[in-house]
Amino acid sequence: MVSIIIPSCCKTTKWLKPALDSIVKYTSLDRIELLISANGISEQVKEFLIEYKKTPGLDMKILFHPERVGYPKAVNDACHISRGDKLVFFNSDCQILPSPINQWIDLLERPFLDNENTGITGPLEIYCKFTNEPFLCAFLIMVSRKMLSKIGLLDLAFKSGHGEDVDLSERAKLHGFTTKLTSENIGEDASVMRGNFPAYHEAEISTEKDPEVNVYFRPQALKNQQLLKQRKASGYYSLPFKFPSTIPFISNYKDKIFKLV
């Protein structure tokens, strides 16, 4: 089983509904579980999700936080209740494009079958100027439970989000796991990221293009960039690695303050 995790702080269903519809349309439902980590959503979106949960054949759970908790915690909470050996982090402003059933998920999973040390796969690789290393952008990535059990979940030090995927990639490689790009000829412009992988990402819809969220997200993003820079310069990403208290593990996850539907 593959656990697909979608964190959402949406106030409307404008992007969330197409995201869910595309997964349902282009994926065998008996192969997945869908975990929506809803935090600070509107009543309209809450009602939509509760109704969507009734989709025939869909194994879907909803985690409700009344307030925004940030991308790392929203994802970590869902990881805690997930059952899959592989987990997909899927942004609410991402869509699977028309393609054969399961093609997208097969492309993400194949490197894990070819190499037992694969830790992260995804269709978009970006060079991080703060660590001087490439990383797989977490708008859509697959990670192994095996890796998360060894290196921990997303670091809560990144709070609202931005840079936590860079940190995860650094920790993965440090502990012997590989990251694998699953597409070629990626095109990137100011707002849209896509390649030959059957997915479309309207970049930063859930953060920078939402004025209300941007007030919450942007200042922290700048702090997170400096955190990455400081960590790289200080030798933080080197062995023996000392896990900070801000990195939780699935095996001893204690923060369960959410309502599960």
C-alpha atoms as a PDB file:
ATOM      1  CA  MET A   1       0.000   0.000   0.000  1.00  0.00           C
ATOM      2  CA  VAL A   2       1.019   3.580  -0.728  1.00  0.00           C
ATOM      3  CA  SER A   3      -0.073   6.332   1.660  1.00  0.00           C
ATOM      4  CA  ILE A   4      -0.791   9.629  -0.108  1.00  0.00           C
ATOM      5  CA  ILE A   5      -0.574  12.588   2.260  1.00  0.00           C
ATOM      6  CA  ILE A   6      -2.096  15.943   1.340  1.00  0.00           C
ATOM      7  CA  PRO A   7      -1.639  18.792   3.818  1.00  0.00           C
ATOM      8  CA  SER A   8      -4.156  21.569   3.274  1.00  0.00           C
ATOM      9  CA  CYS A   9      -4.988  24.941   4.785  1.00  0.00           C
ATOM     10  CA  CYS A  10      -7.317  25.839   1.900  1.00  0.00           C
ATOM     11  CA  LYS A  11     -10.232  28.195   2.356  1.00  0.00           C
ATOM     12  CA  THR A  12     -11.899  27.042  -0.895  1.00  0.00           C
ATOM     13  CA  THR A  13     -11.965  23.828  -2.928  1.00  0.00           C
ATOM     14  CA  LYS A  14     -10.643  25.565  -6.056  1.00  0.00           C
ATOM     15  CA  TRP A  15      -7.358  23.609  -6.095  1.00  0.00           C
ATOM     16  CA  LEU A  16      -8.028  20.849  -3.602  1.00  0.00           C
ATOM     17  CA  LYS A  17     -10.914  19.282  -5.529  1.00  0.00           C
ATOM     18  CA  PRO A  18      -8.974  18.962  -8.833  1.00  0.00           C
ATOM     19  CA  ALA A  19      -6.049  17.491  -6.879  1.00  0.00           C
ATOM     20  CA  LEU A  20      -8.239  14.823  -5.287  1.00  0.00           C
ATOM     21  CA  ASP A  21     -10.165  14.144  -8.492  1.00  0.00           C
ATOM     22  CA  SER A  22      -6.952  13.574 -10.436  1.00  0.00           C
ATOM     23  CA  ILE A  23      -5.664  11.052  -7.897  1.00  0.00           C
ATOM     24  CA  VAL A  24      -8.947   9.148  -7.883  1.00  0.00           C
ATOM     25  CA  LYS A  25      -9.158   9.158 -11.690  1.00  0.00           C
ATOM     26  CA  TYR A  26      -5.600   8.017 -12.455  1.00  0.00           C
ATOM     27  CA  THR A  27      -4.868   5.649  -9.566  1.00  0.00           C
ATOM     28  CA  SER A  28      -6.136   2.193  -8.569  1.00  0.00           C
ATOM     29  CA  LEU A  29      -7.920   2.943  -5.315  1.00  0.00           C
ATOM     30  CA  ASP A  30      -7.212  -0.510  -3.877  1.00  0.00           C
ATOM     31  CA  ARG A  31      -3.529   0.364  -3.977  1.00  0.00           C
ATOM     32  CA  ILE A  32      -3.633   3.542  -1.879  1.00  0.00           C
ATOM     33  CA  GLU A  33      -4.869   5.214   1.247  1.00  0.00           C
ATOM     34  CA  LEU A  34      -5.501   8.949   1.162  1.00  0.00           C
ATOM     35  CA  LEU A  35      -4.711  11.046   4.240  1.00  0.00           C
ATOM     36  CA  ILE A  36      -5.809  14.690   4.261  1.00  0.00           C
ATOM     37  CA  SER A  37      -4.112  16.738   6.984  1.00  0.00           C
ATOM     38  CA  ALA A  38      -6.479  19.701   7.171  1.00  0.00           C
ATOM     39  CA  ASN A  39      -5.358  22.632   9.279  1.00  0.00           C
ATOM     40  CA  GLY A  40      -7.082  25.986   9.463  1.00  0.00           C
ATOM     41  CA  ILE A  41      -9.455  25.127   6.622  1.00  0.00           C
ATOM     42  CA  SER A  42     -12.844  26.760   6.151  1.00  0.00           C
ATOM     43  CA  GLU A  43     -16.154  25.149   7.079  1.00  0.00           C
ATOM     44  CA  GLN A  44     -16.882  24.871   3.357  1.00  0.00           C
ATOM     45  CA  VAL A  45     -13.750  22.813   2.750  1.00  0.00           C
ATOM     46  CA  LYS A  46     -14.424  20.699   5.838  1.00  0.00           C
ATOM     47  CA  GLU A  47     -17.894  19.804   4.574  1.00  0.00           C
ATOM     48  CA  PHE A  48     -16.476  19.066   1.119  1.00  0.00           C
ATOM     49  CA  LEU A  49     -13.877  16.674   2.545  1.00  0.00           C
ATOM     50  CA  ILE A  50     -16.386  14.829   4.701  1.00  0.00           C
ATOM     51  CA  GLU A  51     -18.570  14.307   1.628  1.00  0.00           C
ATOM     52  CA  TYR A  52     -15.596  13.355  -0.578  1.00  0.00           C
ATOM     53  CA  LYS A  53     -14.662  10.662   1.927  1.00  0.00           C
ATOM     54  CA  LYS A  54     -17.772   8.782   0.760  1.00  0.00           C
ATOM     55  CA  THR A  55     -16.281   8.211  -2.714  1.00  0.00           C
ATOM     56  CA  PRO A  56     -16.844   4.493  -3.488  1.00  0.00           C
ATOM     57  CA  GLY A  57     -13.715   2.402  -3.031  1.00  0.00           C
ATOM     58  CA  LEU A  58     -11.670   5.258  -1.562  1.00  0.00           C
ATOM     59  CA  ASP A  59      -9.823   4.643   1.713  1.00  0.00           C
ATOM     60  CA  MET A  60      -9.639   8.201   3.011  1.00  0.00           C
ATOM     61  CA  LYS A  61      -8.989   9.648   6.445  1.00  0.00           C
ATOM     62  CA  ILE A  62      -9.116  13.316   7.435  1.00  0.00           C
ATOM     63  CA  LEU A  63      -7.063  14.868  10.222  1.00  0.00           C
ATOM     64  CA  PHE A  64      -8.559  18.133  11.467  1.00  0.00           C
ATOM     65  CA  HIS A  65      -6.595  20.867  13.208  1.00  0.00           C
ATOM     66  CA  PRO A  66      -8.689  23.979  13.961  1.00  0.00           C
ATOM     67  CA  GLU A  67      -5.706  26.273  13.270  1.00  0.00           C
ATOM     68  CA  ARG A  68      -2.832  26.260  10.801  1.00  0.00           C
ATOM     69  CA  VAL A  69       0.027  24.134  12.107  1.00  0.00           C
ATOM     70  CA  GLY A  70       2.498  24.452   9.217  1.00  0.00           C
ATOM     71  CA  TYR A  71       3.512  22.036   6.482  1.00  0.00           C
ATOM     72  CA  PRO A  72       5.991  19.892   8.491  1.00  0.00           C
ATOM     73  CA  LYS A  73       3.612  19.156  11.365  1.00  0.00           C
ATOM     74  CA  ALA A  74       0.640  18.603   9.043  1.00  0.00           C
ATOM     75  CA  VAL A  75       2.634  16.004   7.101  1.00  0.00           C
ATOM     76  CA  ASN A  76       4.134  14.410  10.223  1.00  0.00           C
ATOM     77  CA  ASP A  77       0.725  13.918  11.837  1.00  0.00           C
ATOM     78  CA  ALA A  78      -0.470  12.055   8.745  1.00  0.00           C
ATOM     79  CA  CYS A  79       2.718   9.975   8.634  1.00  0.00           C
ATOM     80  CA  HIS A  80       1.965   8.902  12.199  1.00  0.00           C
ATOM     81  CA  ILE A  81      -1.331   7.211  11.240  1.00  0.00           C
ATOM     82  CA  SER A  82      -0.218   6.037   7.782  1.00  0.00           C
ATOM     83  CA  ARG A  83       0.015   2.339   6.930  1.00  0.00           C
ATOM     84  CA  GLY A  84       1.981   2.265   3.672  1.00  0.00           C
ATOM     85  CA  ASP A  85       5.574   1.170   3.190  1.00  0.00           C
ATOM     86  CA  LYS A  86       5.841   4.087   0.766  1.00  0.00           C
ATOM     87  CA  LEU A  87       4.435   7.534   1.475  1.00  0.00           C
ATOM     88  CA  VAL A  88       3.684  10.267  -1.054  1.00  0.00           C
ATOM     89  CA  PHE A  89       3.739  13.930  -0.019  1.00  0.00           C
ATOM     90  CA  PHE A  90       1.319  15.618  -2.432  1.00  0.00           C
ATOM     91  CA  ASN A  91       0.639  19.369  -2.416  1.00  0.00           C
ATOM     92  CA  SER A  92      -2.962  20.515  -2.616  1.00  0.00           C
ATOM     93  CA  ASP A  93      -2.091  22.652  -5.676  1.00  0.00           C
ATOM     94  CA  CYS A  94      -0.774  19.656  -7.645  1.00  0.00           C
ATOM     95  CA  GLN A  95      -2.687  17.532 -10.175  1.00  0.00           C
ATOM     96  CA  ILE A  96      -2.038  14.261 -11.963  1.00  0.00           C
ATOM     97  CA  LEU A  97      -2.370  14.813 -15.715  1.00  0.00           C
ATOM     98  CA  PRO A  98      -4.247  12.479 -18.105  1.00  0.00           C
ATOM     99  CA  SER A  99      -2.179   9.301 -18.247  1.00  0.00           C
ATOM    100  CA  PRO A 100      -2.506   5.516 -17.928  1.00  0.00           C
ATOM    101  CA  ILE A 101      -3.822   4.333 -14.571  1.00  0.00           C
ATOM    102  CA  ASN A 102      -1.034   4.169 -11.974  1.00  0.00           C
ATOM    103  CA  GLN A 103       1.642   5.492 -14.333  1.00  0.00           C
ATOM    104  CA  TRP A 104       2.554   8.366 -12.009  1.00  0.00           C
ATOM    105  CA  ILE A 105       2.769   6.216  -8.921  1.00  0.00           C
ATOM    106  CA  ASP A 106       4.694   3.479 -10.769  1.00  0.00           C
ATOM    107  CA  LEU A 107       7.281   6.041 -11.885  1.00  0.00           C
ATOM    108  CA  LEU A 108       7.746   7.160  -8.284  1.00  0.00           C
ATOM    109  CA  GLU A 109       7.940   3.628  -6.914  1.00  0.00           C
ATOM    110  CA  ARG A 110      10.175   1.956  -9.520  1.00  0.00           C
ATOM    111  CA  PRO A 111      13.500   3.254  -8.100  1.00  0.00           C
ATOM    112  CA  PHE A 112      12.635   1.695  -4.739  1.00  0.00           C
ATOM    113  CA  LEU A 113      12.226  -1.681  -6.445  1.00  0.00           C
ATOM    114  CA  ASP A 114      15.539  -1.283  -8.280  1.00  0.00           C
ATOM    115  CA  ASN A 115      17.557  -0.148  -5.259  1.00  0.00           C
ATOM    116  CA  GLU A 116      16.766  -0.957  -1.636  1.00  0.00           C
ATOM    117  CA  ASN A 117      18.663   2.139  -0.512  1.00  0.00           C
ATOM    118  CA  THR A 118      16.380   4.538  -2.372  1.00  0.00           C
ATOM    119  CA  GLY A 119      14.956   7.015   0.108  1.00  0.00           C
ATOM    120  CA  ILE A 120      13.204   9.741  -1.907  1.00  0.00           C
ATOM    121  CA  THR A 121      11.887   9.975  -5.469  1.00  0.00           C
ATOM    122  CA  GLY A 122      10.189  12.838  -7.286  1.00  0.00           C
ATOM    123  CA  PRO A 123       9.773  14.634 -10.625  1.00  0.00           C
ATOM    124  CA  LEU A 124      11.430  17.960  -9.821  1.00  0.00           C
ATOM    125  CA  GLU A 125      15.025  18.479  -8.721  1.00  0.00           C
ATOM    126  CA  ILE A 126      16.211  21.951  -7.717  1.00  0.00           C
ATOM    127  CA  TYR A 127      19.635  23.217  -6.713  1.00  0.00           C
ATOM    128  CA  CYS A 128      19.631  24.801  -3.250  1.00  0.00           C
ATOM    129  CA  LYS A 129      22.020  27.735  -3.019  1.00  0.00           C
ATOM    130  CA  PHE A 130      21.978  27.589   0.778  1.00  0.00           C
ATOM    131  CA  THR A 131      23.368  24.033   0.973  1.00  0.00           C
ATOM    132  CA  ASN A 132      25.015  23.908  -2.471  1.00  0.00           C
ATOM    133  CA  GLU A 133      23.246  20.607  -3.103  1.00  0.00           C
ATOM    134  CA  PRO A 134      20.337  19.449  -5.295  1.00  0.00           C
ATOM    135  CA  PHE A 135      17.137  18.262  -3.656  1.00  0.00           C
ATOM    136  CA  LEU A 136      13.782  16.852  -4.729  1.00  0.00           C
ATOM    137  CA  CYS A 137      11.020  19.411  -4.325  1.00  0.00           C
ATOM    138  CA  ALA A 138       8.337  18.112  -1.962  1.00  0.00           C
ATOM    139  CA  PHE A 139       5.332  19.348  -3.918  1.00  0.00           C
ATOM    140  CA  LEU A 140       5.265  15.690  -5.023  1.00  0.00           C
ATOM    141  CA  ILE A 141       7.700  13.107  -3.635  1.00  0.00           C
ATOM    142  CA  MET A 142       7.621   9.491  -2.519  1.00  0.00           C
ATOM    143  CA  VAL A 143       9.573   8.457   0.574  1.00  0.00           C
ATOM    144  CA  SER A 144      10.127   5.079   2.192  1.00  0.00           C
ATOM    145  CA  ARG A 145       8.976   4.234   5.688  1.00  0.00           C
ATOM    146  CA  LYS A 146      12.342   2.513   6.099  1.00  0.00           C
ATOM    147  CA  MET A 147      14.112   5.836   5.562  1.00  0.00           C
ATOM    148  CA  LEU A 148      11.783   7.821   7.840  1.00  0.00           C
ATOM    149  CA  SER A 149      12.298   5.244  10.590  1.00  0.00           C
ATOM    150  CA  LYS A 150      16.033   5.882  10.432  1.00  0.00           C
ATOM    151  CA  ILE A 151      16.335   9.636   9.788  1.00  0.00           C
ATOM    152  CA  GLY A 152      13.082  10.913  11.312  1.00  0.00           C
ATOM    153  CA  LEU A 153      10.167  12.894   9.921  1.00  0.00           C
ATOM    154  CA  LEU A 154      10.114  16.508   8.745  1.00  0.00           C
ATOM    155  CA  ASP A 155      11.942  18.915  11.035  1.00  0.00           C
ATOM    156  CA  LEU A 156       9.468  21.091  12.943  1.00  0.00           C
ATOM    157  CA  ALA A 157      12.107  23.833  13.122  1.00  0.00           C
ATOM    158  CA  PHE A 158      10.894  24.833   9.643  1.00  0.00           C
ATOM    159  CA  LYS A 159       7.498  25.697  11.150  1.00  0.00           C
ATOM    160  CA  SER A 160       5.158  26.974   8.403  1.00  0.00           C
ATOM    161  CA  GLY A 161       7.284  25.285   5.753  1.00  0.00           C
ATOM    162  CA  HIS A 162       9.911  25.979   3.066  1.00  0.00           C
ATOM    163  CA  GLY A 163      13.257  24.229   3.195  1.00  0.00           C
ATOM    164  CA  GLU A 164      12.103  21.140   5.071  1.00  0.00           C
ATOM    165  CA  ASP A 165      12.475  19.105   1.857  1.00  0.00           C
ATOM    166  CA  VAL A 166      16.070  20.323   1.516  1.00  0.00           C
ATOM    167  CA  ASP A 167      16.757  19.241   5.091  1.00  0.00           C
ATOM    168  CA  LEU A 168      15.104  15.841   4.531  1.00  0.00           C
ATOM    169  CA  SER A 169      17.230  15.262   1.436  1.00  0.00           C
ATOM    170  CA  GLU A 170      20.428  16.183   3.273  1.00  0.00           C
ATOM    171  CA  ARG A 171      19.627  13.801   6.136  1.00  0.00           C
ATOM    172  CA  ALA A 172      18.682  11.031   3.709  1.00  0.00           C
ATOM    173  CA  LYS A 173      21.982  11.197   1.808  1.00  0.00           C
ATOM    174  CA  LEU A 174      23.956  11.527   5.032  1.00  0.00           C
ATOM    175  CA  HIS A 175      22.513   8.226   6.269  1.00  0.00           C
ATOM    176  CA  GLY A 176      23.141   6.262   3.091  1.00  0.00           C
ATOM    177  CA  PHE A 177      19.879   6.740   1.192  1.00  0.00           C
ATOM    178  CA  THR A 178      19.714   7.888  -2.417  1.00  0.00           C
ATOM    179  CA  THR A 179      17.367  10.389  -4.028  1.00  0.00           C
ATOM    180  CA  LYS A 180      16.144   9.713  -7.558  1.00  0.00           C
ATOM    181  CA  LEU A 181      14.699  12.101 -10.124  1.00  0.00           C
ATOM    182  CA  THR A 182      11.825  10.406 -11.962  1.00  0.00           C
ATOM    183  CA  SER A 183      11.498  12.716 -14.958  1.00  0.00           C
ATOM    184  CA  GLU A 184      13.552  14.383 -17.654  1.00  0.00           C
ATOM    185  CA  ASN A 185      13.506  17.695 -19.508  1.00  0.00           C
ATOM    186  CA  ILE A 186      11.868  19.563 -16.650  1.00  0.00           C
ATOM    187  CA  GLY A 187      10.620  23.009 -17.616  1.00  0.00           C
ATOM    188  CA  GLU A 188      10.373  25.681 -14.945  1.00  0.00           C
ATOM    189  CA  ASP A 189       9.098  29.253 -15.131  1.00  0.00           C
ATOM    190  CA  ALA A 190       7.848  31.769 -12.619  1.00  0.00           C
ATOM    191  CA  SER A 191       4.693  29.891 -11.692  1.00  0.00           C
ATOM    192  CA  VAL A 192       4.453  26.438 -13.272  1.00  0.00           C
ATOM    193  CA  MET A 193       6.675  23.413 -12.830  1.00  0.00           C
ATOM    194  CA  ARG A 194       6.227  20.374 -15.009  1.00  0.00           C
ATOM    195  CA  GLY A 195       8.140  17.872 -17.145  1.00  0.00           C
ATOM    196  CA  ASN A 196       7.515  14.521 -18.810  1.00  0.00           C
ATOM    197  CA  PHE A 197       6.194  13.205 -15.508  1.00  0.00           C
ATOM    198  CA  PRO A 198       2.346  13.271 -15.671  1.00  0.00           C
ATOM    199  CA  ALA A 199       1.807  15.947 -13.029  1.00  0.00           C
ATOM    200  CA  TYR A 200       1.098  19.663 -13.026  1.00  0.00           C
ATOM    201  CA  HIS A 201       2.047  21.977 -10.202  1.00  0.00           C
ATOM    202  CA  GLU A 202       0.741  25.523 -10.022  1.00  0.00           C
ATOM    203  CA  ALA A 203       3.600  26.641  -7.812  1.00  0.00           C
ATOM    204  CA  GLU A 204       2.970  28.372  -4.472  1.00  0.00           C
ATOM    205  CA  ILE A 205      -0.795  28.584  -4.935  1.00  0.00           C
ATOM    206  CA  SER A 206      -1.281  27.495  -1.328  1.00  0.00           C
ATOM    207  CA  THR A 207       1.272  29.976   0.026  1.00  0.00           C
ATOM    208  CA  GLU A 208       2.526  33.009  -1.867  1.00  0.00           C
ATOM    209  CA  LYS A 209      -0.558  33.438  -4.086  1.00  0.00           C
ATOM    210  CA  ASP A 210      -2.922  33.328  -1.123  1.00  0.00           C
ATOM    211  CA  PRO A 211      -2.568  36.767   0.561  1.00  0.00           C
ATOM    212  CA  GLU A 212      -3.790  35.498   3.927  1.00  0.00           C
ATOM    213  CA  VAL A 213      -1.394  32.551   3.972  1.00  0.00           C
ATOM    214  CA  ASN A 214       1.458  34.616   2.573  1.00  0.00           C
ATOM    215  CA  VAL A 215       1.482  36.822   5.674  1.00  0.00           C
ATOM    216  CA  TYR A 216       2.004  33.665   7.714  1.00  0.00           C
ATOM    217  CA  PHE A 217       4.365  31.864   5.310  1.00  0.00           C
ATOM    218  CA  ARG A 218       6.750  34.334   3.727  1.00  0.00           C
ATOM    219  CA  PRO A 219       8.564  35.720   6.826  1.00  0.00           C
ATOM    220  CA  GLN A 220       9.199  32.190   8.086  1.00  0.00           C
ATOM    221  CA  ALA A 221      10.451  31.095   4.651  1.00  0.00           C
ATOM    222  CA  LEU A 222      13.194  33.722   4.851  1.00  0.00           C
ATOM    223  CA  LYS A 223      14.174  32.493   8.320  1.00  0.00           C
ATOM    224  CA  ASN A 224      14.246  28.916   7.043  1.00  0.00           C
ATOM    225  CA  GLN A 225      16.662  29.870   4.284  1.00  0.00           C
ATOM    226  CA  GLN A 226      19.030  31.281   6.864  1.00  0.00           C
ATOM    227  CA  LEU A 227      18.609  28.154   9.001  1.00  0.00           C
ATOM    228  CA  LEU A 228      19.714  25.961   6.084  1.00  0.00           C
ATOM    229  CA  LYS A 229      22.678  28.225   5.408  1.00  0.00           C
ATOM    230  CA  GLN A 230      23.751  28.176   9.052  1.00  0.00           C
ATOM    231  CA  ARG A 231      23.381  24.408   9.330  1.00  0.00           C
ATOM    232  CA  LYS A 232      25.474  23.762   6.221  1.00  0.00           C
ATOM    233  CA  ALA A 233      28.206  26.168   7.333  1.00  0.00           C
ATOM    234  CA  SER A 234      28.370  24.705  10.854  1.00  0.00           C
ATOM    235  CA  GLY A 235      28.821  21.093   9.721  1.00  0.00           C
ATOM    236  CA  TYR A 236      25.355  20.146  10.992  1.00  0.00           C
ATOM    237  CA  TYR A 237      24.908  17.735   8.062  1.00  0.00           C
ATOM    238  CA  SER A 238      27.794  15.456   8.978  1.00  0.00           C
ATOM    239  CA  LEU A 239      28.282  12.226  10.923  1.00  0.00           C
ATOM    240  CA  PRO A 240      27.800  11.512  13.733  1.00  0.00           C
ATOM    241  CA  PHE A 241      24.494  13.313  13.277  1.00  0.00           C
ATOM    242  CA  LYS A 242      22.883  14.631  16.448  1.00  0.00           C
ATOM    243  CA  PHE A 243      19.119  14.608  16.036  1.00  0.00           C
ATOM    244  CA  PRO A 244      17.537  17.779  17.429  1.00  0.00           C
ATOM    245  CA  SER A 245      14.358  17.575  19.478  1.00  0.00           C
ATOM    246  CA  THR A 246      12.462  19.170  16.565  1.00  0.00           C
ATOM    247  CA  ILE A 247      12.731  15.963  14.476  1.00  0.00           C
ATOM    248  CA  PRO A 248      10.084  13.438  15.575  1.00  0.00           C
ATOM    249  CA  PHE A 249      10.128   9.737  14.733  1.00  0.00           C
ATOM    250  CA  ILE A 250       7.197   7.545  13.735  1.00  0.00           C
ATOM    251  CA  SER A 251       8.165   4.981  16.398  1.00  0.00           C
ATOM    252  CA  ASN A 252       7.756   7.411  19.312  1.00  0.00           C
ATOM    253  CA  TYR A 253       5.474  10.064  17.860  1.00  0.00           C
ATOM    254  CA  LYS A 254       3.720  11.776  20.741  1.00  0.00           C
ATOM    255  CA  ASP A 255       1.930  14.790  19.280  1.00  0.00           C
ATOM    256  CA  LYS A 256      -1.577  13.526  18.543  1.00  0.00           C
ATOM    257  CA  ILE A 257      -3.539  16.740  18.991  1.00  0.00           C
ATOM    258  CA  PHE A 258      -5.880  16.427  16.059  1.00  0.00           C
ATOM    259  CA  LYS A 259      -9.343  15.111  15.308  1.00  0.00           C
ATOM    260  CA  LEU A 260      -9.463  12.092  13.021  1.00  0.00           C
ATOM    261  CA  VAL A 261     -12.473  11.469  10.756  1.00  0.00           C
END
